[in-house]
Amino acid sequence: QVQLVESGGGLVQPGGSLRLSCAASGIRYSSYVMGWYRQAPGMQRELVATITDGLSTNYAESVKGRFTISSDNAKNTVTLQMNGLTPEDTAVYYCNARHTLIVAREYWGQGTQVTVSS
């Protein structure tokens, strides 16, 4: 059974930082692109960042220079360090695992709320 369990969301003031973690189980971790997506109220889900092979990263333009995605392959965990948060970053953040070859093998976490407000 595949599980992606997120943690680390919460309420933070503008300019603050949060660290999200996602622990994956039930998959061959090295065969997946791991990523974070977010969905704000009334908006479509959008890509935040992805990491492949624990090294190659991709970021949305809106978070470049502020967010950092990293992966611990030994622990099957992907982390998103978010700095310089703004109210526009408020959303539910979802962990995603997408198989590098098999399109149908894509999984989502349950989501964790991030709220940036003073």
PDB file of N, CA and C in Angstrom:
ATOM      1  N   GLN A   1       0.850  -1.182   0.000  1.00  0.00           N
ATOM      2  CA  GLN A   1       0.000   0.000   0.000  1.00  0.00           C
ATOM      3  C   GLN A   1       0.899   1.250   0.000  1.00  0.00           C
ATOM      4  N   VAL A   2       0.625   2.137  -0.941  1.00  0.00           N
ATOM      5  CA  VAL A   2       1.427   3.348  -1.059  1.00  0.00           C
ATOM      6  C   VAL A   2       0.909   4.404  -0.092  1.00  0.00           C
ATOM      7  N   GLN A   3       1.818   5.024   0.624  1.00  0.00           N
ATOM      8  CA  GLN A   3       1.452   6.121   1.512  1.00  0.00           C
ATOM      9  C   GLN A   3       2.448   7.259   1.368  1.00  0.00           C
ATOM     10  N   LEU A   4       1.913   8.464   1.287  1.00  0.00           N
ATOM     11  CA  LEU A   4       2.710   9.679   1.341  1.00  0.00           C
ATOM     12  C   LEU A   4       2.158  10.489   2.511  1.00  0.00           C
ATOM     13  N   VAL A   5       2.956  10.650   3.540  1.00  0.00           N
ATOM     14  CA  VAL A   5       2.492  11.297   4.757  1.00  0.00           C
ATOM     15  C   VAL A   5       3.228  12.604   4.939  1.00  0.00           C
ATOM     16  N   GLU A   6       2.471  13.696   4.853  1.00  0.00           N
ATOM     17  CA  GLU A   6       3.065  15.029   4.969  1.00  0.00           C
ATOM     18  C   GLU A   6       3.012  15.527   6.405  1.00  0.00           C
ATOM     19  N   SER A   7       3.933  16.416   6.717  1.00  0.00           N
ATOM     20  CA  SER A   7       3.939  17.074   8.018  1.00  0.00           C
ATOM     21  C   SER A   7       4.617  18.429   7.875  1.00  0.00           C
ATOM     22  N   GLY A   8       4.358  19.313   8.834  1.00  0.00           N
ATOM     23  CA  GLY A   8       5.084  20.571   8.894  1.00  0.00           C
ATOM     24  C   GLY A   8       4.312  21.813   8.515  1.00  0.00           C
ATOM     25  N   GLY A   9       3.068  21.688   8.112  1.00  0.00           N
ATOM     26  CA  GLY A   9       2.295  22.875   7.783  1.00  0.00           C
ATOM     27  C   GLY A   9       1.933  23.671   9.024  1.00  0.00           C
ATOM     28  N   GLY A  10       1.295  24.824   8.797  1.00  0.00           N
ATOM     29  CA  GLY A  10       0.873  25.638   9.923  1.00  0.00           C
ATOM     30  C   GLY A  10       0.687  27.085   9.551  1.00  0.00           C
ATOM     31  N   LEU A  11       0.614  27.919  10.573  1.00  0.00           N
ATOM     32  CA  LEU A  11       0.417  29.360  10.411  1.00  0.00           C
ATOM     33  C   LEU A  11       1.741  30.072  10.657  1.00  0.00           C
ATOM     34  N   VAL A  12       2.091  30.970   9.756  1.00  0.00           N
ATOM     35  CA  VAL A  12       3.338  31.714   9.881  1.00  0.00           C
ATOM     36  C   VAL A  12       3.118  33.144   9.416  1.00  0.00           C
ATOM     37  N   GLN A  13       3.876  34.071   9.972  1.00  0.00           N
ATOM     38  CA  GLN A  13       3.767  35.471   9.565  1.00  0.00           C
ATOM     39  C   GLN A  13       4.503  35.714   8.254  1.00  0.00           C
ATOM     40  N   PRO A  14       4.103  36.733   7.520  1.00  0.00           N
ATOM     41  CA  PRO A  14       4.832  37.071   6.292  1.00  0.00           C
ATOM     42  C   PRO A  14       6.315  37.260   6.563  1.00  0.00           C
ATOM     43  N   GLY A  15       7.133  36.714   5.667  1.00  0.00           N
ATOM     44  CA  GLY A  15       8.572  36.762   5.844  1.00  0.00           C
ATOM     45  C   GLY A  15       9.135  35.581   6.618  1.00  0.00           C
ATOM     46  N   GLY A  16       8.260  34.787   7.179  1.00  0.00           N
ATOM     47  CA  GLY A  16       8.690  33.646   7.979  1.00  0.00           C
ATOM     48  C   GLY A  16       9.032  32.426   7.148  1.00  0.00           C
ATOM     49  N   SER A  17       9.330  31.339   7.855  1.00  0.00           N
ATOM     50  CA  SER A  17       9.757  30.103   7.205  1.00  0.00           C
ATOM     51  C   SER A  17       8.968  28.912   7.746  1.00  0.00           C
ATOM     52  N   LEU A  18       8.827  27.923   6.895  1.00  0.00           N
ATOM     53  CA  LEU A  18       8.250  26.634   7.285  1.00  0.00           C
ATOM     54  C   LEU A  18       8.993  25.539   6.539  1.00  0.00           C
ATOM     55  N   ARG A  19       8.973  24.367   7.124  1.00  0.00           N
ATOM     56  CA  ARG A  19       9.604  23.205   6.501  1.00  0.00           C
ATOM     57  C   ARG A  19       8.578  22.091   6.430  1.00  0.00           C
ATOM     58  N   LEU A  20       8.299  21.647   5.212  1.00  0.00           N
ATOM     59  CA  LEU A  20       7.384  20.543   4.995  1.00  0.00           C
ATOM     60  C   LEU A  20       8.164  19.266   4.716  1.00  0.00           C
ATOM     61  N   SER A  21       7.672  18.169   5.256  1.00  0.00           N
ATOM     62  CA  SER A  21       8.287  16.865   4.994  1.00  0.00           C
ATOM     63  C   SER A  21       7.235  15.885   4.506  1.00  0.00           C
ATOM     64  N   CYS A  22       7.688  14.945   3.691  1.00  0.00           N
ATOM     65  CA  CYS A  22       6.798  13.911   3.162  1.00  0.00           C
ATOM     66  C   CYS A  22       7.536  12.576   3.220  1.00  0.00           C
ATOM     67  N   ALA A  23       6.986  11.660   3.982  1.00  0.00           N
ATOM     68  CA  ALA A  23       7.577  10.330   4.102  1.00  0.00           C
ATOM     69  C   ALA A  23       6.818   9.366   3.195  1.00  0.00           C
ATOM     70  N   ALA A  24       7.539   8.722   2.295  1.00  0.00           N
ATOM     71  CA  ALA A  24       6.923   7.800   1.342  1.00  0.00           C
ATOM     72  C   ALA A  24       7.161   6.359   1.753  1.00  0.00           C
ATOM     73  N   SER A  25       6.142   5.536   1.572  1.00  0.00           N
ATOM     74  CA  SER A  25       6.276   4.103   1.815  1.00  0.00           C
ATOM     75  C   SER A  25       5.466   3.359   0.757  1.00  0.00           C
ATOM     76  N   GLY A  26       5.869   2.120   0.518  1.00  0.00           N
ATOM     77  CA  GLY A  26       5.149   1.295  -0.447  1.00  0.00           C
ATOM     78  C   GLY A  26       5.550   1.511  -1.886  1.00  0.00           C
ATOM     79  N   ILE A  27       6.575   2.308  -2.133  1.00  0.00           N
ATOM     80  CA  ILE A  27       7.070   2.515  -3.494  1.00  0.00           C
ATOM     81  C   ILE A  27       8.572   2.316  -3.520  1.00  0.00           C
ATOM     82  N   ARG A  28       9.092   2.022  -4.735  1.00  0.00           N
ATOM     83  CA  ARG A  28      10.538   2.020  -4.914  1.00  0.00           C
ATOM     84  C   ARG A  28      10.937   3.468  -5.130  1.00  0.00           C
ATOM     85  N   TYR A  29      11.349   4.099  -4.096  1.00  0.00           N
ATOM     86  CA  TYR A  29      11.528   5.552  -4.053  1.00  0.00           C
ATOM     87  C   TYR A  29      12.397   6.060  -5.191  1.00  0.00           C
ATOM     88  N   SER A  30      13.438   5.329  -5.513  1.00  0.00           N
ATOM     89  CA  SER A  30      14.391   5.792  -6.537  1.00  0.00           C
ATOM     90  C   SER A  30      13.786   5.808  -7.937  1.00  0.00           C
ATOM     91  N   SER A  31      12.637   5.189  -8.112  1.00  0.00           N
ATOM     92  CA  SER A  31      11.992   5.139  -9.429  1.00  0.00           C
ATOM     93  C   SER A  31      10.978   6.266  -9.622  1.00  0.00           C
ATOM     94  N   TYR A  32      10.901   7.166  -8.667  1.00  0.00           N
ATOM     95  CA  TYR A  32       9.872   8.197  -8.695  1.00  0.00           C
ATOM     96  C   TYR A  32      10.471   9.603  -8.689  1.00  0.00           C
ATOM     97  N   VAL A  33       9.798  10.485  -9.421  1.00  0.00           N
ATOM     98  CA  VAL A  33      10.024  11.910  -9.276  1.00  0.00           C
ATOM     99  C   VAL A  33       9.167  12.362  -8.098  1.00  0.00           C
ATOM    100  N   MET A  34       9.789  12.986  -7.123  1.00  0.00           N
ATOM    101  CA  MET A  34       9.067  13.460  -5.944  1.00  0.00           C
ATOM    102  C   MET A  34       8.831  14.958  -6.079  1.00  0.00           C
ATOM    103  N   GLY A  35       7.674  15.386  -5.627  1.00  0.00           N
ATOM    104  CA  GLY A  35       7.389  16.799  -5.797  1.00  0.00           C
ATOM    105  C   GLY A  35       6.390  17.332  -4.793  1.00  0.00           C
ATOM    106  N   TRP A  36       6.275  18.648  -4.810  1.00  0.00           N
ATOM    107  CA  TRP A  36       5.281  19.362  -4.013  1.00  0.00           C
ATOM    108  C   TRP A  36       4.422  20.210  -4.952  1.00  0.00           C
ATOM    109  N   TYR A  37       3.129  20.144  -4.706  1.00  0.00           N
ATOM    110  CA  TYR A  37       2.164  20.965  -5.420  1.00  0.00           C
ATOM    111  C   TYR A  37       1.351  21.711  -4.376  1.00  0.00           C
ATOM    112  N   ARG A  38       0.640  22.743  -4.807  1.00  0.00           N
ATOM    113  CA  ARG A  38      -0.208  23.475  -3.867  1.00  0.00           C
ATOM    114  C   ARG A  38      -1.500  23.906  -4.554  1.00  0.00           C
ATOM    115  N   GLN A  39      -2.503  24.083  -3.730  1.00  0.00           N
ATOM    116  CA  GLN A  39      -3.804  24.512  -4.239  1.00  0.00           C
ATOM    117  C   GLN A  39      -4.404  25.524  -3.280  1.00  0.00           C
ATOM    118  N   ALA A  40      -4.559  26.737  -3.784  1.00  0.00           N
ATOM    119  CA  ALA A  40      -5.193  27.802  -3.014  1.00  0.00           C
ATOM    120  C   ALA A  40      -6.700  27.758  -3.261  1.00  0.00           C
ATOM    121  N   PRO A  41      -7.502  28.333  -2.372  1.00  0.00           N
ATOM    122  CA  PRO A  41      -8.961  28.312  -2.548  1.00  0.00           C
ATOM    123  C   PRO A  41      -9.382  28.915  -3.883  1.00  0.00           C
ATOM    124  N   GLY A  42     -10.203  28.187  -4.609  1.00  0.00           N
ATOM    125  CA  GLY A  42     -10.701  28.658  -5.886  1.00  0.00           C
ATOM    126  C   GLY A  42      -9.714  28.581  -7.027  1.00  0.00           C
ATOM    127  N   MET A  43      -8.553  27.995  -6.773  1.00  0.00           N
ATOM    128  CA  MET A  43      -7.509  27.941  -7.794  1.00  0.00           C
ATOM    129  C   MET A  43      -7.219  26.486  -8.150  1.00  0.00           C
ATOM    130  N   GLN A  44      -6.579  26.298  -9.307  1.00  0.00           N
ATOM    131  CA  GLN A  44      -6.145  24.958  -9.697  1.00  0.00           C
ATOM    132  C   GLN A  44      -4.891  24.577  -8.939  1.00  0.00           C
ATOM    133  N   ARG A  45      -4.705  23.295  -8.796  1.00  0.00           N
ATOM    134  CA  ARG A  45      -3.470  22.798  -8.180  1.00  0.00           C
ATOM    135  C   ARG A  45      -2.300  23.134  -9.099  1.00  0.00           C
ATOM    136  N   GLU A  46      -1.206  23.596  -8.510  1.00  0.00           N
ATOM    137  CA  GLU A  46      -0.051  24.002  -9.313  1.00  0.00           C
ATOM    138  C   GLU A  46       1.234  23.408  -8.758  1.00  0.00           C
ATOM    139  N   LEU A  47       2.167  23.237  -9.669  1.00  0.00           N
ATOM    140  CA  LEU A  47       3.482  22.722  -9.300  1.00  0.00           C
ATOM    141  C   LEU A  47       4.224  23.745  -8.445  1.00  0.00           C
ATOM    142  N   VAL A  48       4.877  23.257  -7.403  1.00  0.00           N
ATOM    143  CA  VAL A  48       5.776  24.093  -6.616  1.00  0.00           C
ATOM    144  C   VAL A  48       7.225  23.723  -6.929  1.00  0.00           C
ATOM    145  N   ALA A  49       7.550  22.440  -6.761  1.00  0.00           N
ATOM    146  CA  ALA A  49       8.919  21.993  -7.004  1.00  0.00           C
ATOM    147  C   ALA A  49       8.939  20.478  -7.159  1.00  0.00           C
ATOM    148  N   THR A  50       9.901  20.000  -7.928  1.00  0.00           N
ATOM    149  CA  THR A  50      10.124  18.560  -8.056  1.00  0.00           C
ATOM    150  C   THR A  50      11.611  18.253  -7.927  1.00  0.00           C
ATOM    151  N   ILE A  51      11.895  16.991  -7.591  1.00  0.00           N
ATOM    152  CA  ILE A  51      13.279  16.544  -7.507  1.00  0.00           C
ATOM    153  C   ILE A  51      13.371  15.136  -8.075  1.00  0.00           C
ATOM    154  N   THR A  52      14.376  14.910  -8.885  1.00  0.00           N
ATOM    155  CA  THR A  52      14.578  13.623  -9.552  1.00  0.00           C
ATOM    156  C   THR A  52      15.939  13.074  -9.173  1.00  0.00           C
ATOM    157  N   ASP A  53      15.964  11.787  -8.879  1.00  0.00           N
ATOM    158  CA  ASP A  53      17.225  11.130  -8.515  1.00  0.00           C
ATOM    159  C   ASP A  53      17.910  11.825  -7.342  1.00  0.00           C
ATOM    160  N   GLY A  54      17.147  12.528  -6.554  1.00  0.00           N
ATOM    161  CA  GLY A  54      17.705  13.185  -5.388  1.00  0.00           C
ATOM    162  C   GLY A  54      18.585  14.374  -5.691  1.00  0.00           C
ATOM    163  N   LEU A  55      18.662  14.756  -6.983  1.00  0.00           N
ATOM    164  CA  LEU A  55      19.607  15.813  -7.350  1.00  0.00           C
ATOM    165  C   LEU A  55      19.002  16.867  -8.265  1.00  0.00           C
ATOM    166  N   SER A  56      18.360  16.451  -9.331  1.00  0.00           N
ATOM    167  CA  SER A  56      17.854  17.389 -10.326  1.00  0.00           C
ATOM    168  C   SER A  56      16.556  18.014  -9.835  1.00  0.00           C
ATOM    169  N   THR A  57      16.535  19.342  -9.753  1.00  0.00           N
ATOM    170  CA  THR A  57      15.382  20.042  -9.208  1.00  0.00           C
ATOM    171  C   THR A  57      14.727  20.947 -10.240  1.00  0.00           C
ATOM    172  N   ASN A  58      13.457  21.226  -9.999  1.00  0.00           N
ATOM    173  CA  ASN A  58      12.672  22.110 -10.852  1.00  0.00           C
ATOM    174  C   ASN A  58      11.738  22.902  -9.948  1.00  0.00           C
ATOM    175  N   TYR A  59      11.656  24.227 -10.200  1.00  0.00           N
ATOM    176  CA  TYR A  59      10.846  25.081  -9.348  1.00  0.00           C
ATOM    177  C   TYR A  59       9.891  25.946 -10.175  1.00  0.00           C
ATOM    178  N   ALA A  60       8.747  26.245  -9.588  1.00  0.00           N
ATOM    179  CA  ALA A  60       7.884  27.266 -10.164  1.00  0.00           C
ATOM    180  C   ALA A  60       8.589  28.612 -10.053  1.00  0.00           C
ATOM    181  N   GLU A  61       8.364  29.471 -11.028  1.00  0.00           N
ATOM    182  CA  GLU A  61       9.027  30.780 -11.017  1.00  0.00           C
ATOM    183  C   GLU A  61       8.709  31.556  -9.747  1.00  0.00           C
ATOM    184  N   SER A  62       7.507  31.396  -9.249  1.00  0.00           N
ATOM    185  CA  SER A  62       7.059  32.186  -8.100  1.00  0.00           C
ATOM    186  C   SER A  62       7.775  31.834  -6.804  1.00  0.00           C
ATOM    187  N   VAL A  63       8.458  30.675  -6.761  1.00  0.00           N
ATOM    188  CA  VAL A  63       9.119  30.261  -5.523  1.00  0.00           C
ATOM    189  C   VAL A  63      10.631  30.180  -5.656  1.00  0.00           C
ATOM    190  N   LYS A  64      11.139  30.385  -6.861  1.00  0.00           N
ATOM    191  CA  LYS A  64      12.593  30.311  -7.058  1.00  0.00           C
ATOM    192  C   LYS A  64      13.307  31.294  -6.155  1.00  0.00           C
ATOM    193  N   GLY A  65      14.371  30.809  -5.533  1.00  0.00           N
ATOM    194  CA  GLY A  65      15.156  31.652  -4.635  1.00  0.00           C
ATOM    195  C   GLY A  65      14.613  31.718  -3.220  1.00  0.00           C
ATOM    196  N   ARG A  66      13.402  31.202  -3.011  1.00  0.00           N
ATOM    197  CA  ARG A  66      12.812  31.217  -1.669  1.00  0.00           C
ATOM    198  C   ARG A  66      12.600  29.804  -1.125  1.00  0.00           C
ATOM    199  N   PHE A  67      12.245  28.875  -1.997  1.00  0.00           N
ATOM    200  CA  PHE A  67      11.960  27.503  -1.581  1.00  0.00           C
ATOM    201  C   PHE A  67      13.090  26.586  -2.039  1.00  0.00           C
ATOM    202  N   THR A  68      13.346  25.550  -1.246  1.00  0.00           N
ATOM    203  CA  THR A  68      14.340  24.548  -1.604  1.00  0.00           C
ATOM    204  C   THR A  68      13.775  23.163  -1.361  1.00  0.00           C
ATOM    205  N   ILE A  69      13.818  22.330  -2.407  1.00  0.00           N
ATOM    206  CA  ILE A  69      13.382  20.950  -2.269  1.00  0.00           C
ATOM    207  C   ILE A  69      14.616  20.062  -2.137  1.00  0.00           C
ATOM    208  N   SER A  70      14.507  19.064  -1.263  1.00  0.00           N
ATOM    209  CA  SER A  70      15.613  18.134  -1.075  1.00  0.00           C
ATOM    210  C   SER A  70      15.048  16.746  -0.793  1.00  0.00           C
ATOM    211  N   SER A  71      15.897  15.753  -0.957  1.00  0.00           N
ATOM    212  CA  SER A  71      15.452  14.372  -0.810  1.00  0.00           C
ATOM    213  C   SER A  71      16.470  13.575  -0.027  1.00  0.00           C
ATOM    214  N   ASP A  72      15.991  12.765   0.888  1.00  0.00           N
ATOM    215  CA  ASP A  72      16.830  11.821   1.622  1.00  0.00           C
ATOM    216  C   ASP A  72      16.429  10.427   1.147  1.00  0.00           C
ATOM    217  N   ASN A  73      17.198   9.885   0.209  1.00  0.00           N
ATOM    218  CA  ASN A  73      16.834   8.600  -0.381  1.00  0.00           C
ATOM    219  C   ASN A  73      16.925   7.453   0.623  1.00  0.00           C
ATOM    220  N   ALA A  74      17.752   7.606   1.619  1.00  0.00           N
ATOM    221  CA  ALA A  74      17.881   6.551   2.632  1.00  0.00           C
ATOM    222  C   ALA A  74      16.633   6.473   3.506  1.00  0.00           C
ATOM    223  N   LYS A  75      15.965   7.612   3.661  1.00  0.00           N
ATOM    224  CA  LYS A  75      14.770   7.654   4.507  1.00  0.00           C
ATOM    225  C   LYS A  75      13.477   7.772   3.711  1.00  0.00           C
ATOM    226  N   ASN A  76      13.593   7.757   2.369  1.00  0.00           N
ATOM    227  CA  ASN A  76      12.405   7.903   1.517  1.00  0.00           C
ATOM    228  C   ASN A  76      11.600   9.140   1.890  1.00  0.00           C
ATOM    229  N   THR A  77      12.296  10.240   2.065  1.00  0.00           N
ATOM    230  CA  THR A  77      11.659  11.469   2.523  1.00  0.00           C
ATOM    231  C   THR A  77      12.050  12.638   1.624  1.00  0.00           C
ATOM    232  N   VAL A  78      11.058  13.436   1.265  1.00  0.00           N
ATOM    233  CA  VAL A  78      11.298  14.654   0.502  1.00  0.00           C
ATOM    234  C   VAL A  78      10.868  15.840   1.370  1.00  0.00           C
ATOM    235  N   THR A  79      11.673  16.887   1.327  1.00  0.00           N
ATOM    236  CA  THR A  79      11.459  18.037   2.186  1.00  0.00           C
ATOM    237  C   THR A  79      11.379  19.308   1.351  1.00  0.00           C
ATOM    238  N   LEU A  80      10.522  20.221   1.773  1.00  0.00           N
ATOM    239  CA  LEU A  80      10.421  21.529   1.138  1.00  0.00           C
ATOM    240  C   LEU A  80      10.675  22.596   2.189  1.00  0.00           C
ATOM    241  N   GLN A  81      11.798  23.268   2.066  1.00  0.00           N
ATOM    242  CA  GLN A  81      12.125  24.383   2.952  1.00  0.00           C
ATOM    243  C   GLN A  81      11.600  25.653   2.316  1.00  0.00           C
ATOM    244  N   MET A  82      10.737  26.356   3.019  1.00  0.00           N
ATOM    245  CA  MET A  82      10.104  27.554   2.482  1.00  0.00           C
ATOM    246  C   MET A  82      10.512  28.763   3.307  1.00  0.00           C
ATOM    247  N   ASN A  83      11.194  29.697   2.662  1.00  0.00           N
ATOM    248  CA  ASN A  83      11.628  30.929   3.315  1.00  0.00           C
ATOM    249  C   ASN A  83      10.963  32.130   2.640  1.00  0.00           C
ATOM    250  N   GLY A  84      10.961  33.243   3.326  1.00  0.00           N
ATOM    251  CA  GLY A  84      10.393  34.449   2.740  1.00  0.00           C
ATOM    252  C   GLY A  84       8.946  34.291   2.325  1.00  0.00           C
ATOM    253  N   LEU A  85       8.171  33.639   3.170  1.00  0.00           N
ATOM    254  CA  LEU A  85       6.781  33.351   2.819  1.00  0.00           C
ATOM    255  C   LEU A  85       5.945  34.625   2.728  1.00  0.00           C
ATOM    256  N   THR A  86       5.031  34.613   1.782  1.00  0.00           N
ATOM    257  CA  THR A  86       4.106  35.726   1.584  1.00  0.00           C
ATOM    258  C   THR A  86       2.672  35.200   1.652  1.00  0.00           C
ATOM    259  N   PRO A  87       1.698  36.075   1.831  1.00  0.00           N
ATOM    260  CA  PRO A  87       0.301  35.605   1.852  1.00  0.00           C
ATOM    261  C   PRO A  87      -0.094  34.842   0.587  1.00  0.00           C
ATOM    262  N   GLU A  88       0.564  35.143  -0.520  1.00  0.00           N
ATOM    263  CA  GLU A  88       0.271  34.445  -1.771  1.00  0.00           C
ATOM    264  C   GLU A  88       0.704  32.975  -1.738  1.00  0.00           C
ATOM    265  N   ASP A  89       1.495  32.605  -0.763  1.00  0.00           N
ATOM    266  CA  ASP A  89       1.907  31.209  -0.611  1.00  0.00           C
ATOM    267  C   ASP A  89       0.884  30.388   0.178  1.00  0.00           C
ATOM    268  N   THR A  90      -0.133  31.035   0.686  1.00  0.00           N
ATOM    269  CA  THR A  90      -1.161  30.331   1.443  1.00  0.00           C
ATOM    270  C   THR A  90      -1.885  29.335   0.543  1.00  0.00           C
ATOM    271  N   ALA A  91      -1.906  28.079   0.965  1.00  0.00           N
ATOM    272  CA  ALA A  91      -2.515  27.016   0.163  1.00  0.00           C
ATOM    273  C   ALA A  91      -2.426  25.703   0.936  1.00  0.00           C
ATOM    274  N   VAL A  92      -3.107  24.702   0.405  1.00  0.00           N
ATOM    275  CA  VAL A  92      -2.875  23.332   0.855  1.00  0.00           C
ATOM    276  C   VAL A  92      -1.743  22.767  -0.008  1.00  0.00           C
ATOM    277  N   TYR A  93      -0.738  22.249   0.639  1.00  0.00           N
ATOM    278  CA  TYR A  93       0.434  21.718  -0.055  1.00  0.00           C
ATOM    279  C   TYR A  93       0.355  20.192  -0.073  1.00  0.00           C
ATOM    280  N   TYR A  94       0.558  19.631  -1.271  1.00  0.00           N
ATOM    281  CA  TYR A  94       0.444  18.194  -1.468  1.00  0.00           C
ATOM    282  C   TYR A  94       1.773  17.598  -1.907  1.00  0.00           C
ATOM    283  N   CYS A  95       2.119  16.502  -1.306  1.00  0.00           N
ATOM    284  CA  CYS A  95       3.261  15.722  -1.748  1.00  0.00           C
ATOM    285  C   CYS A  95       2.831  14.827  -2.916  1.00  0.00           C
ATOM    286  N   ASN A  96       3.722  14.676  -3.889  1.00  0.00           N
ATOM    287  CA  ASN A  96       3.408  13.882  -5.081  1.00  0.00           C
ATOM    288  C   ASN A  96       4.563  12.951  -5.407  1.00  0.00           C
ATOM    289  N   ALA A  97       4.217  11.742  -5.818  1.00  0.00           N
ATOM    290  CA  ALA A  97       5.210  10.780  -6.301  1.00  0.00           C
ATOM    291  C   ALA A  97       4.769  10.314  -7.683  1.00  0.00           C
ATOM    292  N   ARG A  98       5.606  10.520  -8.675  1.00  0.00           N
ATOM    293  CA  ARG A  98       5.276  10.170 -10.057  1.00  0.00           C
ATOM    294  C   ARG A  98       6.357   9.268 -10.609  1.00  0.00           C
ATOM    295  N   HIS A  99       5.936   8.064 -11.062  1.00  0.00           N
ATOM    296  CA  HIS A  99       6.909   7.104 -11.591  1.00  0.00           C
ATOM    297  C   HIS A  99       7.566   7.692 -12.842  1.00  0.00           C
ATOM    298  N   THR A 100       8.834   7.446 -12.980  1.00  0.00           N
ATOM    299  CA  THR A 100       9.572   8.032 -14.103  1.00  0.00           C
ATOM    300  C   THR A 100       9.195   7.434 -15.449  1.00  0.00           C
ATOM    301  N   LEU A 101       8.607   6.217 -15.457  1.00  0.00           N
ATOM    302  CA  LEU A 101       8.296   5.552 -16.727  1.00  0.00           C
ATOM    303  C   LEU A 101       6.817   5.190 -16.873  1.00  0.00           C
ATOM    304  N   ILE A 102       6.153   4.859 -15.769  1.00  0.00           N
ATOM    305  CA  ILE A 102       4.775   4.364 -15.818  1.00  0.00           C
ATOM    306  C   ILE A 102       3.832   5.483 -15.396  1.00  0.00           C
ATOM    307  N   VAL A 103       3.134   6.072 -16.363  1.00  0.00           N
ATOM    308  CA  VAL A 103       2.306   7.247 -16.106  1.00  0.00           C
ATOM    309  C   VAL A 103       1.239   6.979 -15.059  1.00  0.00           C
ATOM    310  N   ALA A 104       0.680   5.793 -15.067  1.00  0.00           N
ATOM    311  CA  ALA A 104      -0.425   5.480 -14.166  1.00  0.00           C
ATOM    312  C   ALA A 104      -0.003   5.420 -12.707  1.00  0.00           C
ATOM    313  N   ARG A 105       1.263   5.281 -12.481  1.00  0.00           N
ATOM    314  CA  ARG A 105       1.752   5.193 -11.097  1.00  0.00           C
ATOM    315  C   ARG A 105       2.091   6.582 -10.579  1.00  0.00           C
ATOM    316  N   GLU A 106       1.063   7.244 -10.110  1.00  0.00           N
ATOM    317  CA  GLU A 106       1.213   8.571  -9.532  1.00  0.00           C
ATOM    318  C   GLU A 106       0.378   8.614  -8.259  1.00  0.00           C
ATOM    319  N   TYR A 107       0.967   9.149  -7.215  1.00  0.00           N
ATOM    320  CA  TYR A 107       0.320   9.123  -5.920  1.00  0.00           C
ATOM    321  C   TYR A 107       0.389  10.509  -5.266  1.00  0.00           C
ATOM    322  N   TRP A 108      -0.612  10.752  -4.390  1.00  0.00           N
ATOM    323  CA  TRP A 108      -0.695  12.032  -3.694  1.00  0.00           C
ATOM    324  C   TRP A 108      -0.831  11.831  -2.201  1.00  0.00           C
ATOM    325  N   GLY A 109      -0.263  12.764  -1.450  1.00  0.00           N
ATOM    326  CA  GLY A 109      -0.502  12.804  -0.027  1.00  0.00           C
ATOM    327  C   GLY A 109      -1.840  13.447   0.270  1.00  0.00           C
ATOM    328  N   GLN A 110      -2.164  13.519   1.545  1.00  0.00           N
ATOM    329  CA  GLN A 110      -3.475  14.040   1.960  1.00  0.00           C
ATOM    330  C   GLN A 110      -3.499  15.567   1.993  1.00  0.00           C
ATOM    331  N   GLY A 111      -2.341  16.183   1.960  1.00  0.00           N
ATOM    332  CA  GLY A 111      -2.258  17.643   1.971  1.00  0.00           C
ATOM    333  C   GLY A 111      -2.028  18.199   3.363  1.00  0.00           C
ATOM    334  N   THR A 112      -1.320  19.317   3.404  1.00  0.00           N
ATOM    335  CA  THR A 112      -1.092  20.005   4.667  1.00  0.00           C
ATOM    336  C   THR A 112      -1.282  21.503   4.436  1.00  0.00           C
ATOM    337  N   GLN A 113      -1.993  22.147   5.337  1.00  0.00           N
ATOM    338  CA  GLN A 113      -2.339  23.556   5.171  1.00  0.00           C
ATOM    339  C   GLN A 113      -1.169  24.446   5.569  1.00  0.00           C
ATOM    340  N   VAL A 114      -0.865  25.401   4.696  1.00  0.00           N
ATOM    341  CA  VAL A 114       0.097  26.459   4.996  1.00  0.00           C
ATOM    342  C   VAL A 114      -0.641  27.788   4.901  1.00  0.00           C
ATOM    343  N   THR A 115      -0.626  28.535   5.986  1.00  0.00           N
ATOM    344  CA  THR A 115      -1.289  29.838   6.022  1.00  0.00           C
ATOM    345  C   THR A 115      -0.276  30.899   6.402  1.00  0.00           C
ATOM    346  N   VAL A 116      -0.161  31.916   5.545  1.00  0.00           N
ATOM    347  CA  VAL A 116       0.762  33.018   5.800  1.00  0.00           C
ATOM    348  C   VAL A 116      -0.068  34.267   6.059  1.00  0.00           C
ATOM    349  N   SER A 117      -0.017  34.720   7.288  1.00  0.00           N
ATOM    350  CA  SER A 117      -0.876  35.844   7.675  1.00  0.00           C
ATOM    351  C   SER A 117      -0.313  36.516   8.916  1.00  0.00           C
ATOM    352  N   SER A 118      -0.530  37.830   8.984  1.00  0.00           N
ATOM    353  CA  SER A 118      -0.109  38.553  10.168  1.00  0.00           C
ATOM    354  C   SER A 118      -1.264  38.658  11.166  1.00  0.00           C
TER     355      SER A 118
END
